[in-house]
Amino acid sequence: MTTTEFINMISYLLKQTLDSHISYTELQKIIDTAIIEDQLPDNLSVEILNHIFDLQTDLELIAEYQATHMGTKSLLTQENIIEKLKTYHEKLSSG
């Protein structure tokens, strides 16, 4: 997969998540798999790699936070999650 194809795929998946077509946990699994199975293109810029790793970390933190705060008033609302994902979508789409 080329760098452009990879960035377009992640941007598309972020958009699908924002449009509620896939869950952020599905997005997390896809990104985790790409990283674990070394499917990231070799020529990704450091900036894009940092965005991907930051996105992976944030998705893991969101999942952990929500799992430990089920049934309680969550400080991490759906709106907060959406804003985080929008930010990553903008970063990857622009750069």
N, C-alpha and C. Protein backbone atom coordinates (compact mmCIF):
# COMPACT_ATOMS: atom_id res chain seq x y z
N MET A 1 0.85 -1.18 0.00
CA MET A 1 0.00 0.00 0.00
C MET A 1 0.90 1.24 0.00
N THR A 2 0.56 2.18 -0.84
CA THR A 2 1.34 3.41 -0.90
C THR A 2 1.00 4.32 0.29
N THR A 3 1.84 5.29 0.50
CA THR A 3 1.59 6.26 1.57
C THR A 3 0.26 6.97 1.36
N THR A 4 0.01 7.41 0.15
CA THR A 4 -1.24 8.12 -0.14
C THR A 4 -2.45 7.22 0.10
N GLU A 5 -2.37 5.97 -0.34
CA GLU A 5 -3.47 5.03 -0.12
C GLU A 5 -3.72 4.81 1.37
N PHE A 6 -2.63 4.68 2.13
CA PHE A 6 -2.77 4.47 3.57
C PHE A 6 -3.42 5.67 4.25
N ILE A 7 -2.93 6.86 3.94
CA ILE A 7 -3.49 8.07 4.54
C ILE A 7 -4.95 8.23 4.15
N ASN A 8 -5.26 7.97 2.88
CA ASN A 8 -6.65 8.05 2.43
C ASN A 8 -7.53 7.03 3.14
N MET A 9 -6.99 5.82 3.36
CA MET A 9 -7.76 4.79 4.05
C MET A 9 -8.07 5.21 5.49
N ILE A 10 -7.06 5.70 6.21
CA ILE A 10 -7.27 6.12 7.59
C ILE A 10 -8.22 7.32 7.64
N SER A 11 -8.06 8.26 6.73
CA SER A 11 -8.98 9.41 6.67
C SER A 11 -10.41 8.94 6.41
N TYR A 12 -10.55 7.99 5.49
CA TYR A 12 -11.87 7.44 5.17
C TYR A 12 -12.47 6.75 6.40
N LEU A 13 -11.66 5.95 7.09
CA LEU A 13 -12.16 5.26 8.29
C LEU A 13 -12.53 6.24 9.40
N LEU A 14 -11.75 7.30 9.54
CA LEU A 14 -12.10 8.33 10.52
C LEU A 14 -13.44 8.97 10.15
N LYS A 15 -13.62 9.26 8.87
CA LYS A 15 -14.89 9.84 8.41
C LYS A 15 -16.05 8.88 8.65
N GLN A 16 -15.83 7.59 8.37
CA GLN A 16 -16.86 6.59 8.61
C GLN A 16 -17.21 6.51 10.10
N THR A 17 -16.21 6.65 10.94
CA THR A 17 -16.44 6.65 12.39
C THR A 17 -17.23 7.89 12.79
N LEU A 18 -16.85 9.04 12.26
CA LEU A 18 -17.56 10.28 12.58
C LEU A 18 -19.00 10.23 12.10
N ASP A 19 -19.25 9.54 10.99
CA ASP A 19 -20.60 9.42 10.44
C ASP A 19 -21.37 8.24 11.05
N SER A 20 -20.77 7.59 12.06
CA SER A 20 -21.39 6.47 12.79
C SER A 20 -21.61 5.23 11.93
N HIS A 21 -20.79 5.04 10.91
CA HIS A 21 -20.87 3.82 10.10
C HIS A 21 -20.02 2.70 10.69
N ILE A 22 -18.96 3.07 11.40
CA ILE A 22 -18.18 2.09 12.16
C ILE A 22 -17.90 2.70 13.53
N SER A 23 -17.64 1.84 14.50
CA SER A 23 -17.38 2.35 15.85
C SER A 23 -15.90 2.70 16.00
N TYR A 24 -15.61 3.51 16.98
CA TYR A 24 -14.22 3.88 17.20
C TYR A 24 -13.41 2.67 17.66
N THR A 25 -14.07 1.66 18.27
CA THR A 25 -13.34 0.44 18.66
C THR A 25 -12.94 -0.36 17.42
N GLU A 26 -13.77 -0.34 16.39
CA GLU A 26 -13.40 -0.99 15.13
C GLU A 26 -12.22 -0.26 14.50
N LEU A 27 -12.26 1.05 14.53
CA LEU A 27 -11.15 1.85 14.02
C LEU A 27 -9.87 1.53 14.79
N GLN A 28 -10.00 1.41 16.10
CA GLN A 28 -8.85 1.08 16.94
C GLN A 28 -8.25 -0.27 16.52
N LYS A 29 -9.10 -1.27 16.30
CA LYS A 29 -8.61 -2.59 15.90
C LYS A 29 -7.87 -2.54 14.57
N ILE A 30 -8.40 -1.77 13.63
CA ILE A 30 -7.77 -1.66 12.31
C ILE A 30 -6.39 -1.01 12.42
N ILE A 31 -6.31 0.07 13.19
CA ILE A 31 -5.03 0.76 13.36
C ILE A 31 -4.04 -0.11 14.13
N ASP A 32 -4.52 -0.76 15.19
CA ASP A 32 -3.65 -1.67 15.95
C ASP A 32 -3.08 -2.76 15.05
N THR A 33 -3.94 -3.35 14.22
CA THR A 33 -3.50 -4.42 13.32
C THR A 33 -2.45 -3.91 12.34
N ALA A 34 -2.68 -2.74 11.78
CA ALA A 34 -1.72 -2.17 10.83
C ALA A 34 -0.36 -1.97 11.49
N ILE A 35 -0.36 -1.51 12.73
CA ILE A 35 0.90 -1.27 13.44
C ILE A 35 1.55 -2.58 13.84
N ILE A 36 0.78 -3.48 14.44
CA ILE A 36 1.32 -4.75 14.94
C ILE A 36 1.86 -5.61 13.80
N GLU A 37 1.13 -5.65 12.69
CA GLU A 37 1.54 -6.49 11.57
C GLU A 37 2.47 -5.75 10.60
N ASP A 38 2.98 -4.62 11.04
CA ASP A 38 3.94 -3.83 10.26
C ASP A 38 3.44 -3.55 8.84
N GLN A 39 2.18 -3.09 8.77
CA GLN A 39 1.56 -2.78 7.49
C GLN A 39 1.61 -1.29 7.15
N LEU A 40 2.30 -0.52 7.97
CA LEU A 40 2.43 0.91 7.67
C LEU A 40 3.42 1.08 6.52
N PRO A 41 3.12 1.95 5.58
CA PRO A 41 4.06 2.19 4.49
C PRO A 41 5.41 2.68 5.03
N ASP A 42 6.47 2.25 4.39
CA ASP A 42 7.83 2.59 4.86
C ASP A 42 8.15 4.07 4.76
N ASN A 43 7.52 4.76 3.83
CA ASN A 43 7.90 6.15 3.60
C ASN A 43 6.92 7.17 4.19
N LEU A 44 6.21 6.79 5.25
CA LEU A 44 5.36 7.77 5.94
C LEU A 44 6.24 8.81 6.60
N SER A 45 5.81 10.05 6.54
CA SER A 45 6.57 11.11 7.21
C SER A 45 6.48 10.94 8.72
N VAL A 46 7.43 11.50 9.40
CA VAL A 46 7.44 11.45 10.87
C VAL A 46 6.17 12.08 11.41
N GLU A 47 5.73 13.17 10.79
CA GLU A 47 4.52 13.85 11.24
C GLU A 47 3.29 12.94 11.15
N ILE A 48 3.13 12.25 10.03
CA ILE A 48 2.00 11.34 9.85
C ILE A 48 2.11 10.16 10.80
N LEU A 49 3.31 9.60 10.95
CA LEU A 49 3.51 8.51 11.91
C LEU A 49 3.12 8.93 13.31
N ASN A 50 3.52 10.13 13.70
CA ASN A 50 3.15 10.64 15.02
C ASN A 50 1.64 10.76 15.17
N HIS A 51 0.96 11.23 14.12
CA HIS A 51 -0.51 11.32 14.16
C HIS A 51 -1.13 9.93 14.33
N ILE A 52 -0.61 8.95 13.61
CA ILE A 52 -1.14 7.59 13.68
C ILE A 52 -0.94 7.02 15.08
N PHE A 53 0.26 7.17 15.63
CA PHE A 53 0.53 6.65 16.96
C PHE A 53 -0.26 7.41 18.03
N ASP A 54 -0.41 8.71 17.87
CA ASP A 54 -1.23 9.49 18.81
C ASP A 54 -2.69 9.06 18.74
N LEU A 55 -3.17 8.83 17.52
CA LEU A 55 -4.55 8.35 17.34
C LEU A 55 -4.72 6.99 18.01
N GLN A 56 -3.78 6.09 17.80
CA GLN A 56 -3.85 4.77 18.43
C GLN A 56 -3.90 4.91 19.95
N THR A 57 -3.04 5.74 20.50
CA THR A 57 -3.00 5.95 21.95
C THR A 57 -4.32 6.53 22.46
N ASP A 58 -4.84 7.55 21.78
CA ASP A 58 -6.10 8.15 22.20
C ASP A 58 -7.25 7.16 22.13
N LEU A 59 -7.29 6.33 21.09
CA LEU A 59 -8.36 5.34 20.98
C LEU A 59 -8.28 4.32 22.11
N GLU A 60 -7.06 3.92 22.48
CA GLU A 60 -6.89 3.00 23.60
C GLU A 60 -7.33 3.65 24.91
N LEU A 61 -6.96 4.91 25.11
CA LEU A 61 -7.35 5.62 26.33
C LEU A 61 -8.86 5.80 26.41
N ILE A 62 -9.49 6.10 25.29
CA ILE A 62 -10.95 6.23 25.25
C ILE A 62 -11.60 4.91 25.65
N ALA A 63 -11.13 3.82 25.07
CA ALA A 63 -11.70 2.50 25.37
C ALA A 63 -11.52 2.15 26.84
N GLU A 64 -10.32 2.37 27.37
CA GLU A 64 -10.06 2.09 28.78
C GLU A 64 -10.91 2.95 29.69
N TYR A 65 -11.00 4.23 29.39
CA TYR A 65 -11.76 5.16 30.21
C TYR A 65 -13.22 4.76 30.24
N GLN A 66 -13.77 4.47 29.06
CA GLN A 66 -15.19 4.13 29.01
C GLN A 66 -15.47 2.80 29.69
N ALA A 67 -14.54 1.86 29.59
CA ALA A 67 -14.73 0.56 30.24
C ALA A 67 -14.73 0.70 31.76
N THR A 68 -13.92 1.60 32.29
CA THR A 68 -13.84 1.75 33.74
C THR A 68 -14.87 2.72 34.29
N HIS A 69 -15.56 3.47 33.43
CA HIS A 69 -16.54 4.44 33.90
C HIS A 69 -17.95 4.13 33.41
N MET A 70 -18.19 2.87 33.03
CA MET A 70 -19.53 2.51 32.58
C MET A 70 -20.50 2.66 33.76
N GLY A 71 -21.63 3.21 33.48
CA GLY A 71 -22.64 3.39 34.51
C GLY A 71 -22.45 4.64 35.35
N THR A 72 -21.37 5.34 35.14
CA THR A 72 -21.16 6.59 35.87
C THR A 72 -21.20 7.74 34.87
N LYS A 73 -21.34 8.92 35.38
CA LYS A 73 -21.32 10.08 34.49
C LYS A 73 -19.91 10.25 33.95
N SER A 74 -19.76 10.05 32.68
CA SER A 74 -18.45 10.07 32.05
C SER A 74 -18.02 11.50 31.72
N LEU A 75 -16.78 11.81 32.05
CA LEU A 75 -16.21 13.10 31.67
C LEU A 75 -15.83 13.11 30.19
N LEU A 76 -15.62 11.92 29.64
CA LEU A 76 -15.28 11.79 28.23
C LEU A 76 -16.56 11.49 27.47
N THR A 77 -17.19 12.53 27.01
CA THR A 77 -18.48 12.39 26.34
C THR A 77 -18.31 12.01 24.88
N GLN A 78 -19.41 11.62 24.27
CA GLN A 78 -19.39 11.31 22.84
C GLN A 78 -18.91 12.52 22.05
N GLU A 79 -19.29 13.70 22.49
CA GLU A 79 -18.86 14.92 21.80
C GLU A 79 -17.34 15.09 21.87
N ASN A 80 -16.75 14.77 23.03
CA ASN A 80 -15.29 14.85 23.17
C ASN A 80 -14.60 13.87 22.23
N ILE A 81 -15.14 12.68 22.15
CA ILE A 81 -14.58 11.66 21.26
C ILE A 81 -14.66 12.12 19.82
N ILE A 82 -15.82 12.63 19.43
CA ILE A 82 -16.02 13.10 18.06
C ILE A 82 -15.05 14.22 17.73
N GLU A 83 -14.86 15.15 18.66
CA GLU A 83 -13.92 16.25 18.42
C GLU A 83 -12.50 15.74 18.23
N LYS A 84 -12.09 14.76 19.05
CA LYS A 84 -10.76 14.17 18.90
C LYS A 84 -10.61 13.54 17.52
N LEU A 85 -11.61 12.77 17.10
CA LEU A 85 -11.54 12.10 15.80
C LEU A 85 -11.56 13.09 14.66
N LYS A 86 -12.35 14.16 14.80
CA LYS A 86 -12.36 15.21 13.77
C LYS A 86 -10.99 15.84 13.62
N THR A 87 -10.34 16.08 14.74
CA THR A 87 -9.00 16.67 14.72
C THR A 87 -8.03 15.78 13.96
N TYR A 88 -8.06 14.47 14.25
CA TYR A 88 -7.18 13.56 13.53
C TYR A 88 -7.52 13.50 12.05
N HIS A 89 -8.81 13.52 11.73
CA HIS A 89 -9.22 13.50 10.33
C HIS A 89 -8.67 14.72 9.60
N GLU A 90 -8.78 15.89 10.24
CA GLU A 90 -8.26 17.12 9.63
C GLU A 90 -6.74 17.06 9.45
N LYS A 91 -6.04 16.56 10.48
CA LYS A 91 -4.58 16.47 10.40
C LYS A 91 -4.14 15.55 9.27
N LEU A 92 -4.79 14.39 9.16
CA LEU A 92 -4.39 13.43 8.14
C LEU A 92 -4.83 13.86 6.75
N SER A 93 -5.96 14.52 6.67
CA SER A 93 -6.46 14.96 5.36
C SER A 93 -5.62 16.10 4.79
N SER A 94 -5.05 16.89 5.68
CA SER A 94 -4.28 18.05 5.22
C SER A 94 -2.80 17.74 5.02
N GLY A 95 -2.37 16.61 5.57
CA GLY A 95 -0.96 16.52 5.52
C GLY A 95 -0.24 15.36 5.16
